[in-house]
Amino acid sequence: MSDATSTAEESHQPASNWGTYKRLLAYVKPFWLAFSLAVVGNIIYAAASTGMAAAMEYVITALENPTDKNRILLTLLIVGVFAFRGVGTS
C-alpha cells in the first residue's frame, strides 16, 4: 500500500452514535407528526402485549372458578386488550 492510502485509512474515524442519530432525525423532521404517532402506537402495542401477558393470571383464575361474573369480565378483558392493541397498530 502507498503511504497516502494508509494515512487516509488511519485518519478515518467512525461517526458517533449520537451524531448518526441526529443526522437521521433531520430526515424525519418533515414527518414529525407521523413519526410521533408511530412511536405512540408502538408504545400502546407494547403495553397491550404486556397487559395480555399480565392478564393471563386472571384468565387462569377465571377458568378455574367459572362464575357468571368471571365469564363477563373475561370476555371484556380479552376484547378490551385486543381493541387497545388494535389502536396501537392503526
N, C-alpha and C. Protein backbone atom coordinates (compact mmCIF):
# COMPACT_ATOMS: atom_id res chain seq x y z
N MET A 1 0.83 -1.18 0.00
CA MET A 1 0.00 0.00 0.00
C MET A 1 0.87 1.24 0.00
N SER A 2 0.37 2.27 -0.60
CA SER A 2 1.14 3.51 -0.60
C SER A 2 0.91 4.24 0.71
N ASP A 3 1.77 5.19 0.99
CA ASP A 3 1.67 5.94 2.24
C ASP A 3 0.40 6.79 2.29
N ALA A 4 -0.02 7.31 1.15
CA ALA A 4 -1.22 8.14 1.12
C ALA A 4 -2.46 7.33 1.48
N THR A 5 -2.54 6.10 1.00
CA THR A 5 -3.71 5.25 1.28
C THR A 5 -3.74 4.86 2.75
N SER A 6 -2.63 4.47 3.30
CA SER A 6 -2.61 4.04 4.70
C SER A 6 -2.90 5.22 5.63
N THR A 7 -2.45 6.43 5.28
CA THR A 7 -2.72 7.60 6.11
C THR A 7 -4.21 7.94 6.09
N ALA A 8 -4.84 7.82 4.94
CA ALA A 8 -6.27 8.12 4.84
C ALA A 8 -7.09 7.11 5.63
N GLU A 9 -6.70 5.84 5.60
CA GLU A 9 -7.43 4.81 6.34
C GLU A 9 -7.28 4.99 7.84
N GLU A 10 -6.09 5.39 8.28
CA GLU A 10 -5.85 5.57 9.71
C GLU A 10 -6.58 6.79 10.26
N SER A 11 -6.76 7.84 9.45
CA SER A 11 -7.40 9.06 9.95
C SER A 11 -8.92 8.96 9.91
N HIS A 12 -9.47 7.95 9.23
CA HIS A 12 -10.93 7.79 9.17
C HIS A 12 -11.44 7.28 10.51
N GLN A 13 -12.32 8.05 11.14
CA GLN A 13 -12.91 7.66 12.41
C GLN A 13 -14.40 7.50 12.22
N PRO A 14 -14.98 6.45 12.78
CA PRO A 14 -16.43 6.25 12.62
C PRO A 14 -17.20 7.35 13.35
N ALA A 15 -18.37 7.66 12.82
CA ALA A 15 -19.22 8.68 13.44
C ALA A 15 -19.76 8.15 14.77
N SER A 16 -20.00 9.05 15.69
CA SER A 16 -20.56 8.64 16.97
C SER A 16 -22.01 8.22 16.79
N ASN A 17 -22.52 7.46 17.73
CA ASN A 17 -23.92 7.03 17.66
C ASN A 17 -24.85 8.23 17.70
N TRP A 18 -24.56 9.21 18.56
CA TRP A 18 -25.42 10.38 18.66
C TRP A 18 -25.38 11.19 17.38
N GLY A 19 -24.19 11.32 16.77
CA GLY A 19 -24.07 12.05 15.51
C GLY A 19 -24.89 11.40 14.41
N THR A 20 -24.84 10.09 14.34
CA THR A 20 -25.63 9.36 13.34
C THR A 20 -27.11 9.54 13.60
N TYR A 21 -27.51 9.44 14.85
CA TYR A 21 -28.93 9.60 15.23
C TYR A 21 -29.43 10.99 14.86
N LYS A 22 -28.66 12.02 15.17
CA LYS A 22 -29.04 13.39 14.84
C LYS A 22 -29.17 13.57 13.33
N ARG A 23 -28.25 13.00 12.59
CA ARG A 23 -28.29 13.11 11.13
C ARG A 23 -29.55 12.45 10.58
N LEU A 24 -29.91 11.29 11.11
CA LEU A 24 -31.11 10.59 10.64
C LEU A 24 -32.39 11.31 11.06
N LEU A 25 -32.38 11.93 12.24
CA LEU A 25 -33.57 12.66 12.68
C LEU A 25 -33.84 13.87 11.80
N ALA A 26 -32.82 14.40 11.15
CA ALA A 26 -33.03 15.52 10.24
C ALA A 26 -33.93 15.11 9.09
N TYR A 27 -33.87 13.86 8.67
CA TYR A 27 -34.74 13.37 7.59
C TYR A 27 -36.18 13.18 8.07
N VAL A 28 -36.38 12.99 9.36
CA VAL A 28 -37.70 12.75 9.93
C VAL A 28 -38.44 14.07 10.19
N LYS A 29 -37.70 15.16 10.28
CA LYS A 29 -38.28 16.45 10.66
C LYS A 29 -39.54 16.81 9.86
N PRO A 30 -39.57 16.65 8.54
CA PRO A 30 -40.80 16.99 7.81
C PRO A 30 -41.99 16.09 8.17
N PHE A 31 -41.71 14.93 8.73
CA PHE A 31 -42.76 13.96 9.05
C PHE A 31 -42.90 13.76 10.55
N TRP A 32 -42.66 14.81 11.33
CA TRP A 32 -42.61 14.67 12.78
C TRP A 32 -43.93 14.16 13.36
N LEU A 33 -45.06 14.57 12.78
CA LEU A 33 -46.36 14.14 13.31
C LEU A 33 -46.55 12.64 13.10
N ALA A 34 -46.29 12.17 11.89
CA ALA A 34 -46.42 10.74 11.61
C ALA A 34 -45.43 9.93 12.44
N PHE A 35 -44.23 10.44 12.59
CA PHE A 35 -43.21 9.75 13.39
C PHE A 35 -43.66 9.67 14.85
N SER A 36 -44.20 10.76 15.37
CA SER A 36 -44.67 10.77 16.76
C SER A 36 -45.82 9.79 16.96
N LEU A 37 -46.76 9.77 16.00
CA LEU A 37 -47.87 8.83 16.09
C LEU A 37 -47.39 7.39 16.03
N ALA A 38 -46.37 7.13 15.22
CA ALA A 38 -45.82 5.78 15.13
C ALA A 38 -45.17 5.37 16.45
N VAL A 39 -44.47 6.29 17.09
CA VAL A 39 -43.85 6.00 18.39
C VAL A 39 -44.93 5.72 19.43
N VAL A 40 -45.96 6.55 19.47
CA VAL A 40 -47.05 6.35 20.43
C VAL A 40 -47.77 5.03 20.15
N GLY A 41 -47.99 4.71 18.88
CA GLY A 41 -48.62 3.44 18.52
C GLY A 41 -47.80 2.25 18.96
N ASN A 42 -46.51 2.33 18.81
CA ASN A 42 -45.65 1.23 19.27
C ASN A 42 -45.68 1.09 20.78
N ILE A 43 -45.76 2.19 21.48
CA ILE A 43 -45.85 2.14 22.94
C ILE A 43 -47.16 1.49 23.37
N ILE A 44 -48.26 1.88 22.70
CA ILE A 44 -49.57 1.29 23.02
C ILE A 44 -49.56 -0.21 22.73
N TYR A 45 -49.01 -0.59 21.59
CA TYR A 45 -48.95 -2.01 21.22
C TYR A 45 -48.13 -2.81 22.24
N ALA A 46 -46.99 -2.26 22.65
CA ALA A 46 -46.15 -2.95 23.64
C ALA A 46 -46.87 -3.05 24.99
N ALA A 47 -47.57 -1.99 25.38
CA ALA A 47 -48.30 -2.03 26.64
C ALA A 47 -49.44 -3.05 26.59
N ALA A 48 -50.12 -3.14 25.46
CA ALA A 48 -51.21 -4.11 25.33
C ALA A 48 -50.68 -5.54 25.33
N SER A 49 -49.55 -5.76 24.70
CA SER A 49 -48.95 -7.10 24.71
C SER A 49 -48.53 -7.49 26.11
N THR A 50 -47.95 -6.55 26.83
CA THR A 50 -47.56 -6.81 28.21
C THR A 50 -48.80 -7.00 29.08
N GLY A 51 -49.82 -6.20 28.81
CA GLY A 51 -51.08 -6.33 29.56
C GLY A 51 -51.73 -7.69 29.35
N MET A 52 -51.66 -8.21 28.15
CA MET A 52 -52.23 -9.55 27.89
C MET A 52 -51.46 -10.61 28.67
N ALA A 53 -50.15 -10.48 28.71
CA ALA A 53 -49.36 -11.44 29.48
C ALA A 53 -49.71 -11.35 30.96
N ALA A 54 -49.88 -10.13 31.47
CA ALA A 54 -50.24 -9.96 32.87
C ALA A 54 -51.67 -10.44 33.15
N ALA A 55 -52.55 -10.31 32.16
CA ALA A 55 -53.94 -10.73 32.34
C ALA A 55 -54.10 -12.25 32.32
N MET A 56 -53.10 -12.97 31.90
CA MET A 56 -53.20 -14.43 31.86
C MET A 56 -53.45 -15.01 33.25
N GLU A 57 -52.94 -14.35 34.29
CA GLU A 57 -53.19 -14.81 35.66
C GLU A 57 -54.70 -14.77 35.95
N TYR A 58 -55.34 -13.67 35.54
CA TYR A 58 -56.78 -13.57 35.74
C TYR A 58 -57.54 -14.58 34.88
N VAL A 59 -57.07 -14.81 33.68
CA VAL A 59 -57.71 -15.78 32.78
C VAL A 59 -57.67 -17.17 33.40
N ILE A 60 -56.54 -17.54 33.94
CA ILE A 60 -56.41 -18.86 34.57
C ILE A 60 -57.33 -18.96 35.78
N THR A 61 -57.38 -17.91 36.59
CA THR A 61 -58.28 -17.90 37.75
C THR A 61 -59.73 -18.00 37.31
N ALA A 62 -60.10 -17.28 36.26
CA ALA A 62 -61.48 -17.30 35.77
C ALA A 62 -61.85 -18.68 35.22
N LEU A 63 -60.90 -19.36 34.62
CA LEU A 63 -61.18 -20.70 34.09
C LEU A 63 -61.28 -21.74 35.20
N GLU A 64 -60.52 -21.53 36.27
CA GLU A 64 -60.57 -22.47 37.40
C GLU A 64 -61.84 -22.27 38.23
N ASN A 65 -62.34 -21.05 38.31
CA ASN A 65 -63.54 -20.72 39.09
C ASN A 65 -64.59 -20.11 38.17
N PRO A 66 -65.24 -20.91 37.37
CA PRO A 66 -66.19 -20.34 36.40
C PRO A 66 -67.47 -19.83 37.08
N THR A 67 -67.62 -18.54 37.10
CA THR A 67 -68.85 -17.91 37.58
C THR A 67 -69.35 -16.99 36.48
N ASP A 68 -70.58 -16.54 36.62
CA ASP A 68 -71.12 -15.62 35.62
C ASP A 68 -70.32 -14.32 35.57
N LYS A 69 -69.92 -13.84 36.73
CA LYS A 69 -69.14 -12.61 36.79
C LYS A 69 -67.79 -12.80 36.09
N ASN A 70 -67.13 -13.94 36.34
CA ASN A 70 -65.84 -14.21 35.70
C ASN A 70 -65.96 -14.32 34.19
N ARG A 71 -67.03 -14.92 33.72
CA ARG A 71 -67.23 -15.06 32.26
C ARG A 71 -67.38 -13.70 31.60
N ILE A 72 -68.16 -12.83 32.20
CA ILE A 72 -68.37 -11.50 31.63
C ILE A 72 -67.07 -10.70 31.66
N LEU A 73 -66.39 -10.72 32.81
CA LEU A 73 -65.13 -9.97 32.93
C LEU A 73 -64.05 -10.53 32.01
N LEU A 74 -64.01 -11.83 31.86
CA LEU A 74 -63.03 -12.45 30.97
C LEU A 74 -63.27 -12.02 29.53
N THR A 75 -64.52 -12.02 29.12
CA THR A 75 -64.86 -11.58 27.77
C THR A 75 -64.47 -10.12 27.56
N LEU A 76 -64.82 -9.27 28.52
CA LEU A 76 -64.49 -7.85 28.41
C LEU A 76 -62.98 -7.62 28.42
N LEU A 77 -62.26 -8.39 29.21
CA LEU A 77 -60.82 -8.26 29.29
C LEU A 77 -60.17 -8.59 27.96
N ILE A 78 -60.55 -9.71 27.38
CA ILE A 78 -59.94 -10.13 26.12
C ILE A 78 -60.28 -9.14 25.00
N VAL A 79 -61.55 -8.76 24.89
CA VAL A 79 -61.95 -7.81 23.86
C VAL A 79 -61.26 -6.46 24.09
N GLY A 80 -61.19 -6.02 25.33
CA GLY A 80 -60.56 -4.74 25.64
C GLY A 80 -59.09 -4.71 25.32
N VAL A 81 -58.37 -5.76 25.68
CA VAL A 81 -56.93 -5.79 25.40
C VAL A 81 -56.68 -5.80 23.90
N PHE A 82 -57.42 -6.60 23.17
CA PHE A 82 -57.21 -6.65 21.73
C PHE A 82 -57.67 -5.38 21.03
N ALA A 83 -58.70 -4.71 21.55
CA ALA A 83 -59.11 -3.42 20.99
C ALA A 83 -58.03 -2.36 21.25
N PHE A 84 -57.49 -2.37 22.45
CA PHE A 84 -56.40 -1.43 22.80
C PHE A 84 -55.19 -1.71 21.93
N ARG A 85 -54.90 -2.97 21.70
CA ARG A 85 -53.78 -3.37 20.85
C ARG A 85 -54.03 -2.93 19.41
N GLY A 86 -55.28 -3.03 18.97
CA GLY A 86 -55.62 -2.60 17.61
C GLY A 86 -55.44 -1.11 17.42
N VAL A 87 -55.72 -0.32 18.44
CA VAL A 87 -55.50 1.13 18.37
C VAL A 87 -54.01 1.41 18.16
N GLY A 88 -53.17 0.61 18.80
CA GLY A 88 -51.73 0.81 18.67
C GLY A 88 -51.20 0.45 17.30
N THR A 89 -51.86 -0.45 16.60
CA THR A 89 -51.36 -0.84 15.28
C THR A 89 -51.96 -0.02 14.16
N SER A 90 -52.94 0.81 14.46
CA SER A 90 -53.58 1.64 13.41
C SER A 90 -52.70 2.77 12.97
